[in-house]
Amino acid sequence: MQQVIDATFDGKVLLPEHPLKIKPNTRVRLTIETSDKPSKKKRSFLQTAKSLKIDGPSDWSENFEEYMYDKDKS
């Protein structure tokens, strides 16, 4: 199987931009070709917050002060 992936080298390891379609511990052969494309797309705060998948009350944004300072709600 052959896949073309985009990755960023952080000085120690290659970090793929998307999950690979291979099982863990599978041996692979890499051919490195540098790219002029930006290494990472900028993400908005909202995209980052959504990706965290934090579970909590549905009224957090409306009543955040009560959750932060009122011990009865937390």
C-alpha atoms as a PDB file:
ATOM      1  CA  MET A   1       0.000   0.000   0.000  1.00  0.00           C
ATOM      2  CA  GLN A   2       1.245   3.492  -0.790  1.00  0.00           C
ATOM      3  CA  GLN A   3       0.158   6.721   0.906  1.00  0.00           C
ATOM      4  CA  VAL A   4       1.268  10.288   0.395  1.00  0.00           C
ATOM      5  CA  ILE A   5       1.152  12.272   3.622  1.00  0.00           C
ATOM      6  CA  ASP A   6       2.137  15.749   4.737  1.00  0.00           C
ATOM      7  CA  ALA A   7       4.116  15.942   7.954  1.00  0.00           C
ATOM      8  CA  THR A   8       6.222  18.363   9.950  1.00  0.00           C
ATOM      9  CA  PHE A   9       9.646  17.512  11.349  1.00  0.00           C
ATOM     10  CA  ASP A  10       9.984  18.989  14.862  1.00  0.00           C
ATOM     11  CA  GLY A  11      13.716  18.305  15.126  1.00  0.00           C
ATOM     12  CA  LYS A  12      13.248  14.789  16.509  1.00  0.00           C
ATOM     13  CA  VAL A  13      10.222  13.128  14.906  1.00  0.00           C
ATOM     14  CA  LEU A  14       7.916  13.493  11.911  1.00  0.00           C
ATOM     15  CA  LEU A  15       4.403  14.600  12.887  1.00  0.00           C
ATOM     16  CA  PRO A  16       1.754  13.645  10.292  1.00  0.00           C
ATOM     17  CA  GLU A  17      -0.948  16.255   9.653  1.00  0.00           C
ATOM     18  CA  HIS A  18      -3.610  13.528   9.599  1.00  0.00           C
ATOM     19  CA  PRO A  19      -3.853  10.030  11.119  1.00  0.00           C
ATOM     20  CA  LEU A  20      -2.125   7.316   9.109  1.00  0.00           C
ATOM     21  CA  LYS A  21      -4.102   4.370   7.761  1.00  0.00           C
ATOM     22  CA  ILE A  22      -1.702   1.758   9.116  1.00  0.00           C
ATOM     23  CA  LYS A  23      -1.581  -0.377  12.233  1.00  0.00           C
ATOM     24  CA  PRO A  24       0.833   0.516  15.061  1.00  0.00           C
ATOM     25  CA  ASN A  25       4.304  -1.060  14.799  1.00  0.00           C
ATOM     26  CA  THR A  26       3.979  -1.535  11.024  1.00  0.00           C
ATOM     27  CA  ARG A  27       7.347  -1.178   9.295  1.00  0.00           C
ATOM     28  CA  VAL A  28       7.365   1.447   6.546  1.00  0.00           C
ATOM     29  CA  ARG A  29       9.862   2.900   4.091  1.00  0.00           C
ATOM     30  CA  LEU A  30      10.029   6.704   3.957  1.00  0.00           C
ATOM     31  CA  THR A  31      11.084   8.913   1.084  1.00  0.00           C
ATOM     32  CA  ILE A  32      11.528  12.493   2.236  1.00  0.00           C
ATOM     33  CA  GLU A  33      10.659  15.378  -0.074  1.00  0.00           C
ATOM     34  CA  THR A  34      10.550  18.879   1.377  1.00  0.00           C
ATOM     35  CA  SER A  35       7.575  21.081   0.595  1.00  0.00           C
ATOM     36  CA  ASP A  36       7.161  24.836   0.367  1.00  0.00           C
ATOM     37  CA  LYS A  37       3.659  24.586   1.807  1.00  0.00           C
ATOM     38  CA  PRO A  38       3.143  26.033   5.291  1.00  0.00           C
ATOM     39  CA  SER A  39       3.708  23.306   7.877  1.00  0.00           C
ATOM     40  CA  LYS A  40       0.436  23.816   9.737  1.00  0.00           C
ATOM     41  CA  LYS A  41      -2.821  25.525   8.980  1.00  0.00           C
ATOM     42  CA  LYS A  42      -3.721  28.176  11.508  1.00  0.00           C
ATOM     43  CA  ARG A  43      -6.679  27.180  13.648  1.00  0.00           C
ATOM     44  CA  SER A  44      -9.065  29.528  15.331  1.00  0.00           C
ATOM     45  CA  PHE A  45      -9.583  29.433  19.088  1.00  0.00           C
ATOM     46  CA  LEU A  46     -13.069  27.996  18.479  1.00  0.00           C
ATOM     47  CA  GLN A  47     -11.683  25.142  16.349  1.00  0.00           C
ATOM     48  CA  THR A  48      -9.149  24.347  19.055  1.00  0.00           C
ATOM     49  CA  ALA A  49     -11.777  24.498  21.819  1.00  0.00           C
ATOM     50  CA  LYS A  50     -14.126  22.205  19.856  1.00  0.00           C
ATOM     51  CA  SER A  51     -11.327  19.682  19.277  1.00  0.00           C
ATOM     52  CA  LEU A  52     -10.828  19.326  23.052  1.00  0.00           C
ATOM     53  CA  LYS A  53     -14.317  17.781  23.354  1.00  0.00           C
ATOM     54  CA  ILE A  54     -14.766  19.052  26.909  1.00  0.00           C
ATOM     55  CA  ASP A  55     -17.968  17.851  28.527  1.00  0.00           C
ATOM     56  CA  GLY A  56     -19.837  20.221  30.790  1.00  0.00           C
ATOM     57  CA  PRO A  57     -23.122  21.992  31.497  1.00  0.00           C
ATOM     58  CA  SER A  58     -24.931  23.442  28.488  1.00  0.00           C
ATOM     59  CA  ASP A  59     -25.166  26.865  30.163  1.00  0.00           C
ATOM     60  CA  TRP A  60     -21.441  27.401  30.787  1.00  0.00           C
ATOM     61  CA  SER A  61     -21.170  30.425  28.525  1.00  0.00           C
ATOM     62  CA  GLU A  62     -24.246  32.089  30.026  1.00  0.00           C
ATOM     63  CA  ASN A  63     -23.377  31.394  33.687  1.00  0.00           C
ATOM     64  CA  PHE A  64     -19.597  31.128  33.734  1.00  0.00           C
ATOM     65  CA  GLU A  65     -19.268  33.498  36.702  1.00  0.00           C
ATOM     66  CA  GLU A  66     -21.515  31.290  38.849  1.00  0.00           C
ATOM     67  CA  TYR A  67     -19.501  28.200  37.892  1.00  0.00           C
ATOM     68  CA  MET A  68     -16.197  29.970  38.617  1.00  0.00           C
ATOM     69  CA  TYR A  69     -17.136  31.629  41.916  1.00  0.00           C
ATOM     70  CA  ASP A  70     -20.261  29.892  43.325  1.00  0.00           C
ATOM     71  CA  LYS A  71     -19.370  26.579  44.958  1.00  0.00           C
ATOM     72  CA  ASP A  72     -22.999  25.398  44.782  1.00  0.00           C
ATOM     73  CA  LYS A  73     -22.885  25.079  40.955  1.00  0.00           C
ATOM     74  CA  SER A  74     -19.449  23.500  40.587  1.00  0.00           C
END
